[in-house]
Amino acid sequence: PSHFDKMKVGLALNVFSKATSAGLKYMVQQENRPLSYLTTAWFLE
């Protein structure tokens, strides 16, 4: 985010979301990404 984008809660909510977590789980299960991605997915949830 830019300086002003850092103040927008909506942008943070787009990152810290179930959807982003699910996307990371998909990347691990279907796209052979590292299992460590699941820790980030857990934290976002």
PDB file of all heavy atoms in Angstrom:
ATOM      1  N   PRO A   1       0.810  -1.227   0.000  1.00  0.00           N
ATOM      2  CA  PRO A   1       0.000   0.000   0.000  1.00  0.00           C
ATOM      3  C   PRO A   1       0.841   1.275   0.000  1.00  0.00           C
ATOM      4  O   PRO A   1       1.948   1.305   0.545  1.00  0.00           O
ATOM      5  CB  PRO A   1      -0.801  -0.113   1.303  1.00  0.00           C
ATOM      6  CG  PRO A   1       0.029  -0.970   2.183  1.00  0.00           C
ATOM      7  CD  PRO A   1       0.758  -1.921   1.276  1.00  0.00           C
ATOM      8  N   SER A   2       0.283   2.316  -0.617  1.00  0.00           N
ATOM      9  CA  SER A   2       0.912   3.629  -0.549  1.00  0.00           C
ATOM     10  C   SER A   2       0.688   4.195   0.846  1.00  0.00           C
ATOM     11  O   SER A   2      -0.006   3.596   1.674  1.00  0.00           O
ATOM     12  CB  SER A   2       0.286   4.555  -1.598  1.00  0.00           C
ATOM     13  OG  SER A   2      -1.050   4.864  -1.225  1.00  0.00           O
ATOM     14  N   HIS A   3       1.237   5.371   1.080  1.00  0.00           N
ATOM     15  CA  HIS A   3       1.087   6.003   2.391  1.00  0.00           C
ATOM     16  C   HIS A   3      -0.385   6.136   2.784  1.00  0.00           C
ATOM     17  O   HIS A   3      -0.764   5.840   3.912  1.00  0.00           O
ATOM     18  CB  HIS A   3       1.774   7.368   2.391  1.00  0.00           C
ATOM     19  CG  HIS A   3       1.609   8.126   3.666  1.00  0.00           C
ATOM     20  ND1 HIS A   3       2.231   7.733   4.837  1.00  0.00           N
ATOM     21  CD2 HIS A   3       0.876   9.220   3.963  1.00  0.00           C
ATOM     22  CE1 HIS A   3       1.884   8.576   5.802  1.00  0.00           C
ATOM     23  NE2 HIS A   3       1.080   9.481   5.298  1.00  0.00           N
ATOM     24  N   PHE A   4      -1.217   6.581   1.854  1.00  0.00           N
ATOM     25  CA  PHE A   4      -2.634   6.787   2.150  1.00  0.00           C
ATOM     26  C   PHE A   4      -3.426   5.482   2.136  1.00  0.00           C
ATOM     27  O   PHE A   4      -4.397   5.333   2.860  1.00  0.00           O
ATOM     28  CB  PHE A   4      -3.248   7.818   1.197  1.00  0.00           C
ATOM     29  CG  PHE A   4      -2.716   9.200   1.428  1.00  0.00           C
ATOM     30  CD1 PHE A   4      -1.799   9.762   0.555  1.00  0.00           C
ATOM     31  CD2 PHE A   4      -3.101   9.923   2.545  1.00  0.00           C
ATOM     32  CE1 PHE A   4      -1.302  11.034   0.788  1.00  0.00           C
ATOM     33  CE2 PHE A   4      -2.604  11.195   2.787  1.00  0.00           C
ATOM     34  CZ  PHE A   4      -1.690  11.761   1.905  1.00  0.00           C
ATOM     35  N   ASP A   5      -2.996   4.525   1.313  1.00  0.00           N
ATOM     36  CA  ASP A   5      -3.666   3.224   1.272  1.00  0.00           C
ATOM     37  C   ASP A   5      -3.522   2.469   2.587  1.00  0.00           C
ATOM     38  O   ASP A   5      -4.365   1.645   2.930  1.00  0.00           O
ATOM     39  CB  ASP A   5      -3.139   2.360   0.125  1.00  0.00           C
ATOM     40  CG  ASP A   5      -3.641   2.816  -1.230  1.00  0.00           C
ATOM     41  OD1 ASP A   5      -4.659   3.541  -1.275  1.00  0.00           O
ATOM     42  OD2 ASP A   5      -3.016   2.456  -2.251  1.00  0.00           O
ATOM     43  N   LYS A   6      -2.468   2.761   3.346  1.00  0.00           N
ATOM     44  CA  LYS A   6      -2.250   2.094   4.634  1.00  0.00           C
ATOM     45  C   LYS A   6      -3.364   2.404   5.622  1.00  0.00           C
ATOM     46  O   LYS A   6      -3.560   1.683   6.582  1.00  0.00           O
ATOM     47  CB  LYS A   6      -0.907   2.504   5.235  1.00  0.00           C
ATOM     48  CG  LYS A   6       0.274   1.929   4.499  1.00  0.00           C
ATOM     49  CD  LYS A   6       1.575   2.374   5.113  1.00  0.00           C
ATOM     50  CE  LYS A   6       2.748   1.811   4.321  1.00  0.00           C
ATOM     51  NZ  LYS A   6       4.033   2.237   4.874  1.00  0.00           N
ATOM     52  N   MET A   7      -4.088   3.479   5.376  1.00  0.00           N
ATOM     53  CA  MET A   7      -5.166   3.887   6.284  1.00  0.00           C
ATOM     54  C   MET A   7      -6.507   3.265   5.916  1.00  0.00           C
ATOM     55  O   MET A   7      -7.491   3.462   6.621  1.00  0.00           O
ATOM     56  CB  MET A   7      -5.283   5.409   6.283  1.00  0.00           C
ATOM     57  CG  MET A   7      -4.056   6.092   6.834  1.00  0.00           C
ATOM     58  SD  MET A   7      -4.264   7.860   6.780  1.00  0.00           S
ATOM     59  CE  MET A   7      -2.889   8.328   5.760  1.00  0.00           C
ATOM     60  N   LYS A   8      -6.565   2.537   4.832  1.00  0.00           N
ATOM     61  CA  LYS A   8      -7.817   1.954   4.352  1.00  0.00           C
ATOM     62  C   LYS A   8      -8.009   0.551   4.930  1.00  0.00           C
ATOM     63  O   LYS A   8      -7.329  -0.390   4.551  1.00  0.00           O
ATOM     64  CB  LYS A   8      -7.842   1.921   2.829  1.00  0.00           C
ATOM     65  CG  LYS A   8      -7.795   3.301   2.206  1.00  0.00           C
ATOM     66  CD  LYS A   8      -7.796   3.241   0.701  1.00  0.00           C
ATOM     67  CE  LYS A   8      -7.745   4.638   0.114  1.00  0.00           C
ATOM     68  NZ  LYS A   8      -7.626   4.592  -1.350  1.00  0.00           N
ATOM     69  N   VAL A   9      -8.964   0.436   5.830  1.00  0.00           N
ATOM     70  CA  VAL A   9      -9.234  -0.848   6.483  1.00  0.00           C
ATOM     71  C   VAL A   9      -9.657  -1.897   5.459  1.00  0.00           C
ATOM     72  O   VAL A   9      -9.290  -3.057   5.561  1.00  0.00           O
ATOM     73  CB  VAL A   9     -10.298  -0.680   7.585  1.00  0.00           C
ATOM     74  CG1 VAL A   9     -10.683  -2.027   8.182  1.00  0.00           C
ATOM     75  CG2 VAL A   9      -9.802   0.265   8.662  1.00  0.00           C
ATOM     76  N   GLY A  10     -10.412  -1.489   4.450  1.00  0.00           N
ATOM     77  CA  GLY A  10     -10.906  -2.418   3.440  1.00  0.00           C
ATOM     78  C   GLY A  10      -9.800  -3.183   2.737  1.00  0.00           C
ATOM     79  O   GLY A  10      -9.945  -4.380   2.461  1.00  0.00           O
ATOM     80  N   LEU A  11      -8.692  -2.507   2.455  1.00  0.00           N
ATOM     81  CA  LEU A  11      -7.572  -3.194   1.805  1.00  0.00           C
ATOM     82  C   LEU A  11      -6.989  -4.268   2.717  1.00  0.00           C
ATOM     83  O   LEU A  11      -6.663  -5.364   2.266  1.00  0.00           O
ATOM     84  CB  LEU A  11      -6.486  -2.192   1.401  1.00  0.00           C
ATOM     85  CG  LEU A  11      -6.825  -1.276   0.230  1.00  0.00           C
ATOM     86  CD1 LEU A  11      -5.690  -0.282  -0.011  1.00  0.00           C
ATOM     87  CD2 LEU A  11      -7.097  -2.079  -1.036  1.00  0.00           C
ATOM     88  N   ALA A  12      -6.867  -3.950   3.997  1.00  0.00           N
ATOM     89  CA  ALA A  12      -6.353  -4.946   4.955  1.00  0.00           C
ATOM     90  C   ALA A  12      -7.317  -6.117   5.067  1.00  0.00           C
ATOM     91  O   ALA A  12      -6.895  -7.274   5.152  1.00  0.00           O
ATOM     92  CB  ALA A  12      -6.130  -4.300   6.317  1.00  0.00           C
ATOM     93  N   LEU A  13      -8.608  -5.828   5.076  1.00  0.00           N
ATOM     94  CA  LEU A  13      -9.605  -6.896   5.175  1.00  0.00           C
ATOM     95  C   LEU A  13      -9.554  -7.823   3.963  1.00  0.00           C
ATOM     96  O   LEU A  13      -9.887  -9.001   4.072  1.00  0.00           O
ATOM     97  CB  LEU A  13     -11.002  -6.320   5.344  1.00  0.00           C
ATOM     98  CG  LEU A  13     -11.278  -5.600   6.660  1.00  0.00           C
ATOM     99  CD1 LEU A  13     -12.692  -5.034   6.676  1.00  0.00           C
ATOM    100  CD2 LEU A  13     -11.052  -6.513   7.840  1.00  0.00           C
ATOM    101  N   ASN A  14      -9.151  -7.288   2.813  1.00  0.00           N
ATOM    102  CA  ASN A  14      -9.022  -8.129   1.619  1.00  0.00           C
ATOM    103  C   ASN A  14      -7.864  -9.112   1.746  1.00  0.00           C
ATOM    104  O   ASN A  14      -7.893 -10.190   1.163  1.00  0.00           O
ATOM    105  CB  ASN A  14      -8.834  -7.262   0.371  1.00  0.00           C
ATOM    106  CG  ASN A  14     -10.080  -6.498   0.011  1.00  0.00           C
ATOM    107  OD1 ASN A  14     -11.187  -6.855   0.420  1.00  0.00           O
ATOM    108  ND2 ASN A  14      -9.917  -5.424  -0.734  1.00  0.00           N
ATOM    109  N   VAL A  15      -6.848  -8.748   2.496  1.00  0.00           N
ATOM    110  CA  VAL A  15      -5.711  -9.648   2.722  1.00  0.00           C
ATOM    111  C   VAL A  15      -6.029 -10.617   3.853  1.00  0.00           C
ATOM    112  O   VAL A  15      -5.900 -11.827   3.706  1.00  0.00           O
ATOM    113  CB  VAL A  15      -4.421  -8.853   3.035  1.00  0.00           C
ATOM    114  CG1 VAL A  15      -3.282  -9.809   3.404  1.00  0.00           C
ATOM    115  CG2 VAL A  15      -4.028  -7.986   1.854  1.00  0.00           C
ATOM    116  N   PHE A  16      -6.470 -10.070   4.997  1.00  0.00           N
ATOM    117  CA  PHE A  16      -6.768 -10.891   6.172  1.00  0.00           C
ATOM    118  C   PHE A  16      -8.195 -11.418   6.073  1.00  0.00           C
ATOM    119  O   PHE A  16      -9.083 -10.983   6.799  1.00  0.00           O
ATOM    120  CB  PHE A  16      -6.579 -10.078   7.462  1.00  0.00           C
ATOM    121  CG  PHE A  16      -5.160  -9.685   7.694  1.00  0.00           C
ATOM    122  CD1 PHE A  16      -4.707  -8.424   7.352  1.00  0.00           C
ATOM    123  CD2 PHE A  16      -4.264 -10.585   8.250  1.00  0.00           C
ATOM    124  CE1 PHE A  16      -3.386  -8.061   7.568  1.00  0.00           C
ATOM    125  CE2 PHE A  16      -2.941 -10.235   8.466  1.00  0.00           C
ATOM    126  CZ  PHE A  16      -2.505  -8.962   8.122  1.00  0.00           C
ATOM    127  N   SER A  17      -8.398 -12.353   5.150  1.00  0.00           N
ATOM    128  CA  SER A  17      -9.751 -12.854   4.899  1.00  0.00           C
ATOM    129  C   SER A  17      -9.751 -14.358   4.693  1.00  0.00           C
ATOM    130  O   SER A  17      -8.723 -14.965   4.386  1.00  0.00           O
ATOM    131  CB  SER A  17     -10.330 -12.177   3.649  1.00  0.00           C
ATOM    132  OG  SER A  17      -9.652 -12.624   2.492  1.00  0.00           O
ATOM    133  N   LYS A  18     -10.944 -14.925   4.841  1.00  0.00           N
ATOM    134  CA  LYS A  18     -11.113 -16.359   4.576  1.00  0.00           C
ATOM    135  C   LYS A  18     -10.845 -16.660   3.107  1.00  0.00           C
ATOM    136  O   LYS A  18     -10.334 -17.723   2.771  1.00  0.00           O
ATOM    137  CB  LYS A  18     -12.524 -16.795   4.967  1.00  0.00           C
ATOM    138  CG  LYS A  18     -12.760 -16.830   6.459  1.00  0.00           C
ATOM    139  CD  LYS A  18     -14.200 -17.225   6.770  1.00  0.00           C
ATOM    140  CE  LYS A  18     -14.509 -17.097   8.231  1.00  0.00           C
ATOM    141  NZ  LYS A  18     -14.676 -15.714   8.679  1.00  0.00           N
ATOM    142  N   ALA A  19     -11.190 -15.716   2.244  1.00  0.00           N
ATOM    143  CA  ALA A  19     -10.991 -15.917   0.804  1.00  0.00           C
ATOM    144  C   ALA A  19      -9.506 -16.027   0.468  1.00  0.00           C
ATOM    145  O   ALA A  19      -9.095 -16.915  -0.293  1.00  0.00           O
ATOM    146  CB  ALA A  19     -11.631 -14.780   0.010  1.00  0.00           C
ATOM    147  N   THR A  20      -8.688 -15.155   1.025  1.00  0.00           N
ATOM    148  CA  THR A  20      -7.247 -15.219   0.778  1.00  0.00           C
ATOM    149  C   THR A  20      -6.674 -16.506   1.362  1.00  0.00           C
ATOM    150  O   THR A  20      -5.841 -17.172   0.745  1.00  0.00           O
ATOM    151  CB  THR A  20      -6.535 -13.988   1.362  1.00  0.00           C
ATOM    152  OG1 THR A  20      -7.141 -12.810   0.834  1.00  0.00           O
ATOM    153  CG2 THR A  20      -5.062 -13.987   1.010  1.00  0.00           C
ATOM    154  N   SER A  21      -7.138 -16.872   2.544  1.00  0.00           N
ATOM    155  CA  SER A  21      -6.707 -18.122   3.166  1.00  0.00           C
ATOM    156  C   SER A  21      -7.052 -19.311   2.276  1.00  0.00           C
ATOM    157  O   SER A  21      -6.218 -20.194   2.041  1.00  0.00           O
ATOM    158  CB  SER A  21      -7.361 -18.274   4.541  1.00  0.00           C
ATOM    159  OG  SER A  21      -7.020 -19.505   5.118  1.00  0.00           O
ATOM    160  N   ALA A  22      -8.273 -19.325   1.772  1.00  0.00           N
ATOM    161  CA  ALA A  22      -8.708 -20.416   0.881  1.00  0.00           C
ATOM    162  C   ALA A  22      -7.878 -20.428  -0.395  1.00  0.00           C
ATOM    163  O   ALA A  22      -7.531 -21.507  -0.914  1.00  0.00           O
ATOM    164  CB  ALA A  22     -10.183 -20.278   0.563  1.00  0.00           C
ATOM    165  N   GLY A  23      -7.537 -19.253  -0.900  1.00  0.00           N
ATOM    166  CA  GLY A  23      -6.698 -19.163  -2.095  1.00  0.00           C
ATOM    167  C   GLY A  23      -5.318 -19.773  -1.859  1.00  0.00           C
ATOM    168  O   GLY A  23      -4.788 -20.481  -2.717  1.00  0.00           O
ATOM    169  N   LEU A  24      -4.753 -19.512  -0.690  1.00  0.00           N
ATOM    170  CA  LEU A  24      -3.446 -20.091  -0.363  1.00  0.00           C
ATOM    171  C   LEU A  24      -3.532 -21.609  -0.212  1.00  0.00           C
ATOM    172  O   LEU A  24      -2.637 -22.334  -0.649  1.00  0.00           O
ATOM    173  CB  LEU A  24      -2.885 -19.462   0.913  1.00  0.00           C
ATOM    174  CG  LEU A  24      -2.498 -17.985   0.808  1.00  0.00           C
ATOM    175  CD1 LEU A  24      -2.036 -17.460   2.157  1.00  0.00           C
ATOM    176  CD2 LEU A  24      -1.441 -17.767  -0.254  1.00  0.00           C
ATOM    177  N   LYS A  25      -4.621 -22.093   0.379  1.00  0.00           N
ATOM    178  CA  LYS A  25      -4.811 -23.546   0.506  1.00  0.00           C
ATOM    179  C   LYS A  25      -4.936 -24.182  -0.878  1.00  0.00           C
ATOM    180  O   LYS A  25      -4.382 -25.263  -1.118  1.00  0.00           O
ATOM    181  CB  LYS A  25      -6.044 -23.844   1.345  1.00  0.00           C
ATOM    182  CG  LYS A  25      -5.856 -23.508   2.810  1.00  0.00           C
ATOM    183  CD  LYS A  25      -7.140 -23.727   3.582  1.00  0.00           C
ATOM    184  CE  LYS A  25      -6.989 -23.296   5.029  1.00  0.00           C
ATOM    185  NZ  LYS A  25      -8.234 -23.438   5.790  1.00  0.00           N
ATOM    186  N   TYR A  26      -5.634 -23.509  -1.770  1.00  0.00           N
ATOM    187  CA  TYR A  26      -5.749 -23.994  -3.152  1.00  0.00           C
ATOM    188  C   TYR A  26      -4.360 -24.079  -3.791  1.00  0.00           C
ATOM    189  O   TYR A  26      -4.045 -25.063  -4.468  1.00  0.00           O
ATOM    190  CB  TYR A  26      -6.655 -23.062  -3.971  1.00  0.00           C
ATOM    191  CG  TYR A  26      -6.633 -23.372  -5.441  1.00  0.00           C
ATOM    192  CD1 TYR A  26      -7.450 -24.367  -5.978  1.00  0.00           C
ATOM    193  CD2 TYR A  26      -5.775 -22.699  -6.313  1.00  0.00           C
ATOM    194  CE1 TYR A  26      -7.422 -24.671  -7.327  1.00  0.00           C
ATOM    195  CE2 TYR A  26      -5.736 -22.995  -7.661  1.00  0.00           C
ATOM    196  CZ  TYR A  26      -6.559 -23.982  -8.166  1.00  0.00           C
ATOM    197  OH  TYR A  26      -6.518 -24.290  -9.502  1.00  0.00           O
ATOM    198  N   MET A  27      -3.551 -23.056  -3.575  1.00  0.00           N
ATOM    199  CA  MET A  27      -2.208 -23.036  -4.164  1.00  0.00           C
ATOM    200  C   MET A  27      -1.378 -24.233  -3.691  1.00  0.00           C
ATOM    201  O   MET A  27      -0.630 -24.812  -4.469  1.00  0.00           O
ATOM    202  CB  MET A  27      -1.494 -21.723  -3.806  1.00  0.00           C
ATOM    203  CG  MET A  27      -2.153 -20.479  -4.370  1.00  0.00           C
ATOM    204  SD  MET A  27      -1.918 -20.294  -6.135  1.00  0.00           S
ATOM    205  CE  MET A  27      -0.225 -19.758  -6.169  1.00  0.00           C
ATOM    206  N   VAL A  28      -1.539 -24.603  -2.423  1.00  0.00           N
ATOM    207  CA  VAL A  28      -0.794 -25.749  -1.879  1.00  0.00           C
ATOM    208  C   VAL A  28      -1.341 -27.053  -2.451  1.00  0.00           C
ATOM    209  O   VAL A  28      -0.586 -27.910  -2.907  1.00  0.00           O
ATOM    210  CB  VAL A  28      -0.853 -25.765  -0.333  1.00  0.00           C
ATOM    211  CG1 VAL A  28      -0.289 -27.063   0.228  1.00  0.00           C
ATOM    212  CG2 VAL A  28      -0.105 -24.559   0.238  1.00  0.00           C
ATOM    213  N   GLN A  29      -2.667 -27.200  -2.454  1.00  0.00           N
ATOM    214  CA  GLN A  29      -3.286 -28.460  -2.851  1.00  0.00           C
ATOM    215  C   GLN A  29      -3.268 -28.702  -4.356  1.00  0.00           C
ATOM    216  O   GLN A  29      -3.061 -29.831  -4.791  1.00  0.00           O
ATOM    217  CB  GLN A  29      -4.722 -28.510  -2.338  1.00  0.00           C
ATOM    218  CG  GLN A  29      -4.805 -28.553  -0.832  1.00  0.00           C
ATOM    219  CD  GLN A  29      -6.204 -28.280  -0.306  1.00  0.00           C
ATOM    220  OE1 GLN A  29      -7.129 -27.977  -1.059  1.00  0.00           O
ATOM    221  NE2 GLN A  29      -6.367 -28.373   1.005  1.00  0.00           N
ATOM    222  N   GLN A  30      -3.478 -27.654  -5.143  1.00  0.00           N
ATOM    223  CA  GLN A  30      -3.628 -27.835  -6.585  1.00  0.00           C
ATOM    224  C   GLN A  30      -2.438 -27.355  -7.415  1.00  0.00           C
ATOM    225  O   GLN A  30      -2.269 -27.787  -8.544  1.00  0.00           O
ATOM    226  CB  GLN A  30      -4.891 -27.109  -7.073  1.00  0.00           C
ATOM    227  CG  GLN A  30      -6.157 -27.575  -6.398  1.00  0.00           C
ATOM    228  CD  GLN A  30      -6.460 -29.043  -6.642  1.00  0.00           C
ATOM    229  OE1 GLN A  30      -6.250 -29.558  -7.733  1.00  0.00           O
ATOM    230  NE2 GLN A  30      -6.949 -29.719  -5.618  1.00  0.00           N
ATOM    231  N   GLU A  31      -1.645 -26.457  -6.863  1.00  0.00           N
ATOM    232  CA  GLU A  31      -0.554 -25.865  -7.640  1.00  0.00           C
ATOM    233  C   GLU A  31       0.834 -26.205  -7.071  1.00  0.00           C
ATOM    234  O   GLU A  31       1.814 -25.562  -7.444  1.00  0.00           O
ATOM    235  CB  GLU A  31      -0.735 -24.341  -7.718  1.00  0.00           C
ATOM    236  CG  GLU A  31      -2.052 -23.909  -8.355  1.00  0.00           C
ATOM    237  CD  GLU A  31      -2.200 -24.369  -9.798  1.00  0.00           C
ATOM    238  OE1 GLU A  31      -1.175 -24.430 -10.523  1.00  0.00           O
ATOM    239  OE2 GLU A  31      -3.341 -24.671 -10.202  1.00  0.00           O
ATOM    240  N   ASN A  32       0.872 -27.169  -6.165  1.00  0.00           N
ATOM    241  CA  ASN A  32       2.132 -27.681  -5.604  1.00  0.00           C
ATOM    242  C   ASN A  32       3.025 -26.600  -4.994  1.00  0.00           C
ATOM    243  O   ASN A  32       4.240 -26.638  -5.153  1.00  0.00           O
ATOM    244  CB  ASN A  32       2.909 -28.468  -6.662  1.00  0.00           C
ATOM    245  CG  ASN A  32       2.139 -29.673  -7.126  1.00  0.00           C
ATOM    246  OD1 ASN A  32       1.540 -30.376  -6.321  1.00  0.00           O
ATOM    247  ND2 ASN A  32       2.132 -29.905  -8.425  1.00  0.00           N
ATOM    248  N   ARG A  33       2.426 -25.680  -4.286  1.00  0.00           N
ATOM    249  CA  ARG A  33       3.209 -24.674  -3.563  1.00  0.00           C
ATOM    250  C   ARG A  33       3.642 -25.258  -2.224  1.00  0.00           C
ATOM    251  O   ARG A  33       3.096 -26.260  -1.761  1.00  0.00           O
ATOM    252  CB  ARG A  33       2.398 -23.398  -3.352  1.00  0.00           C
ATOM    253  CG  ARG A  33       2.030 -22.629  -4.614  1.00  0.00           C
ATOM    254  CD  ARG A  33       3.225 -22.381  -5.518  1.00  0.00           C
ATOM    255  NE  ARG A  33       3.047 -21.299  -6.452  1.00  0.00           N
ATOM    256  CZ  ARG A  33       2.519 -21.399  -7.662  1.00  0.00           C
ATOM    257  NH1 ARG A  33       2.061 -22.564  -8.091  1.00  0.00           N
ATOM    258  NH2 ARG A  33       2.434 -20.347  -8.436  1.00  0.00           N
ATOM    259  N   PRO A  34       4.625 -24.650  -1.574  1.00  0.00           N
ATOM    260  CA  PRO A  34       5.147 -25.187  -0.306  1.00  0.00           C
ATOM    261  C   PRO A  34       4.082 -25.277   0.786  1.00  0.00           C
ATOM    262  O   PRO A  34       3.188 -24.436   0.873  1.00  0.00           O
ATOM    263  CB  PRO A  34       6.227 -24.178   0.101  1.00  0.00           C
ATOM    264  CG  PRO A  34       6.569 -23.438  -1.140  1.00  0.00           C
ATOM    265  CD  PRO A  34       5.352 -23.460  -2.005  1.00  0.00           C
ATOM    266  N   LEU A  35       4.193 -26.288   1.622  1.00  0.00           N
ATOM    267  CA  LEU A  35       3.278 -26.459   2.746  1.00  0.00           C
ATOM    268  C   LEU A  35       3.331 -25.287   3.712  1.00  0.00           C
ATOM    269  O   LEU A  35       2.365 -25.015   4.418  1.00  0.00           O
ATOM    270  CB  LEU A  35       3.596 -27.750   3.501  1.00  0.00           C
ATOM    271  CG  LEU A  35       3.180 -29.053   2.833  1.00  0.00           C
ATOM    272  CD1 LEU A  35       3.661 -30.239   3.659  1.00  0.00           C
ATOM    273  CD2 LEU A  35       1.682 -29.112   2.636  1.00  0.00           C
ATOM    274  N   SER A  36       4.438 -24.570   3.726  1.00  0.00           N
ATOM    275  CA  SER A  36       4.566 -23.416   4.620  1.00  0.00           C
ATOM    276  C   SER A  36       3.515 -22.346   4.325  1.00  0.00           C
ATOM    277  O   SER A  36       3.188 -21.535   5.193  1.00  0.00           O
ATOM    278  CB  SER A  36       5.967 -22.813   4.529  1.00  0.00           C
ATOM    279  OG  SER A  36       6.207 -22.346   3.214  1.00  0.00           O
ATOM    280  N   TYR A  37       2.948 -22.346   3.124  1.00  0.00           N
ATOM    281  CA  TYR A  37       1.868 -21.410   2.783  1.00  0.00           C
ATOM    282  C   TYR A  37       0.668 -21.620   3.718  1.00  0.00           C
ATOM    283  O   TYR A  37      -0.095 -20.697   3.968  1.00  0.00           O
ATOM    284  CB  TYR A  37       1.408 -21.617   1.346  1.00  0.00           C
ATOM    285  CG  TYR A  37       2.282 -21.002   0.271  1.00  0.00           C
ATOM    286  CD1 TYR A  37       3.648 -20.806   0.455  1.00  0.00           C
ATOM    287  CD2 TYR A  37       1.738 -20.642  -0.951  1.00  0.00           C
ATOM    288  CE1 TYR A  37       4.431 -20.265  -0.542  1.00  0.00           C
ATOM    289  CE2 TYR A  37       2.516 -20.095  -1.960  1.00  0.00           C
ATOM    290  CZ  TYR A  37       3.861 -19.909  -1.755  1.00  0.00           C
ATOM    291  OH  TYR A  37       4.634 -19.363  -2.751  1.00  0.00           O
ATOM    292  N   LEU A  38       0.512 -22.846   4.209  1.00  0.00           N
ATOM    293  CA  LEU A  38      -0.628 -23.146   5.081  1.00  0.00           C
ATOM    294  C   LEU A  38      -0.543 -22.415   6.419  1.00  0.00           C
ATOM    295  O   LEU A  38      -1.572 -22.117   7.026  1.00  0.00           O
ATOM    296  CB  LEU A  38      -0.742 -24.653   5.295  1.00  0.00           C
ATOM    297  CG  LEU A  38      -1.043 -25.481   4.050  1.00  0.00           C
ATOM    298  CD1 LEU A  38      -1.032 -26.969   4.382  1.00  0.00           C
ATOM    299  CD2 LEU A  38      -2.356 -25.063   3.416  1.00  0.00           C
ATOM    300  N   THR A  39       0.656 -22.111   6.874  1.00  0.00           N
ATOM    301  CA  THR A  39       0.804 -21.341   8.108  1.00  0.00           C
ATOM    302  C   THR A  39       0.295 -19.920   7.900  1.00  0.00           C
ATOM    303  O   THR A  39      -0.423 -19.378   8.740  1.00  0.00           O
ATOM    304  CB  THR A  39       2.274 -21.326   8.585  1.00  0.00           C
ATOM    305  OG1 THR A  39       2.694 -22.674   8.780  1.00  0.00           O
ATOM    306  CG2 THR A  39       2.428 -20.551   9.870  1.00  0.00           C
ATOM    307  N   THR A  40       0.634 -19.338   6.770  1.00  0.00           N
ATOM    308  CA  THR A  40       0.123 -18.001   6.442  1.00  0.00           C
ATOM    309  C   THR A  40      -1.394 -18.050   6.298  1.00  0.00           C
ATOM    310  O   THR A  40      -2.099 -17.163   6.801  1.00  0.00           O
ATOM    311  CB  THR A  40       0.790 -17.461   5.164  1.00  0.00           C
ATOM    312  OG1 THR A  40       2.208 -17.376   5.384  1.00  0.00           O
ATOM    313  CG2 THR A  40       0.250 -16.092   4.789  1.00  0.00           C
ATOM    314  N   ALA A  41      -1.918 -19.084   5.664  1.00  0.00           N
ATOM    315  CA  ALA A  41      -3.370 -19.232   5.511  1.00  0.00           C
ATOM    316  C   ALA A  41      -4.043 -19.326   6.879  1.00  0.00           C
ATOM    317  O   ALA A  41      -5.077 -18.680   7.122  1.00  0.00           O
ATOM    318  CB  ALA A  41      -3.693 -20.470   4.676  1.00  0.00           C
ATOM    319  N   TRP A  42      -3.466 -20.104   7.786  1.00  0.00           N
ATOM    320  CA  TRP A  42      -4.013 -20.235   9.143  1.00  0.00           C
ATOM    321  C   TRP A  42      -4.033 -18.882   9.844  1.00  0.00           C
ATOM    322  O   TRP A  42      -5.028 -18.504  10.457  1.00  0.00           O
ATOM    323  CB  TRP A  42      -3.183 -21.246   9.940  1.00  0.00           C
ATOM    324  CG  TRP A  42      -3.557 -21.295  11.380  1.00  0.00           C
ATOM    325  CD1 TRP A  42      -4.563 -22.037  11.943  1.00  0.00           C
ATOM    326  CD2 TRP A  42      -2.961 -20.565  12.456  1.00  0.00           C
ATOM    327  NE1 TRP A  42      -4.619 -21.796  13.299  1.00  0.00           N
ATOM    328  CE2 TRP A  42      -3.650 -20.903  13.630  1.00  0.00           C
ATOM    329  CE3 TRP A  42      -1.908 -19.655  12.529  1.00  0.00           C
ATOM    330  CZ2 TRP A  42      -3.319 -20.359  14.869  1.00  0.00           C
ATOM    331  CZ3 TRP A  42      -1.575 -19.123  13.758  1.00  0.00           C
ATOM    332  CH2 TRP A  42      -2.282 -19.472  14.915  1.00  0.00           C
ATOM    333  N   PHE A  43      -2.935 -18.139   9.756  1.00  0.00           N
ATOM    334  CA  PHE A  43      -2.839 -16.841  10.419  1.00  0.00           C
ATOM    335  C   PHE A  43      -3.893 -15.873   9.869  1.00  0.00           C
ATOM    336  O   PHE A  43      -4.546 -15.157  10.632  1.00  0.00           O
ATOM    337  CB  PHE A  43      -1.432 -16.262  10.249  1.00  0.00           C
ATOM    338  CG  PHE A  43      -1.239 -14.954  10.963  1.00  0.00           C
ATOM    339  CD1 PHE A  43      -1.043 -14.923  12.330  1.00  0.00           C
ATOM    340  CD2 PHE A  43      -1.262 -13.758  10.265  1.00  0.00           C
ATOM    341  CE1 PHE A  43      -0.869 -13.721  13.000  1.00  0.00           C
ATOM    342  CE2 PHE A  43      -1.085 -12.548  10.920  1.00  0.00           C
ATOM    343  CZ  PHE A  43      -0.885 -12.530  12.290  1.00  0.00           C
ATOM    344  N   LEU A  44      -4.070 -15.856   8.556  1.00  0.00           N
ATOM    345  CA  LEU A  44      -5.075 -14.968   7.953  1.00  0.00           C
ATOM    346  C   LEU A  44      -6.475 -15.309   8.470  1.00  0.00           C
ATOM    347  O   LEU A  44      -7.273 -14.404   8.757  1.00  0.00           O
ATOM    348  CB  LEU A  44      -5.037 -15.064   6.422  1.00  0.00           C
ATOM    349  CG  LEU A  44      -3.739 -14.621   5.754  1.00  0.00           C
ATOM    350  CD1 LEU A  44      -3.832 -14.842   4.246  1.00  0.00           C
ATOM    351  CD2 LEU A  44      -3.391 -13.187   6.079  1.00  0.00           C
ATOM    352  N   GLU A  45      -6.775 -16.594   8.612  1.00  0.00           N
ATOM    353  CA  GLU A  45      -8.074 -17.019   9.154  1.00  0.00           C
ATOM    354  C   GLU A  45      -8.262 -16.568  10.595  1.00  0.00           C
ATOM    355  O   GLU A  45      -9.348 -16.155  10.982  1.00  0.00           O
ATOM    356  CB  GLU A  45      -8.211 -18.542   9.095  1.00  0.00           C
ATOM    357  CG  GLU A  45      -8.609 -19.068   7.755  1.00  0.00           C
ATOM    358  CD  GLU A  45      -8.816 -20.578   7.785  1.00  0.00           C
ATOM    359  OE1 GLU A  45      -9.089 -21.151   8.869  1.00  0.00           O
ATOM    360  OE2 GLU A  45      -8.696 -21.186   6.703  1.00  0.00           O
TER     361      GLU A  45
END
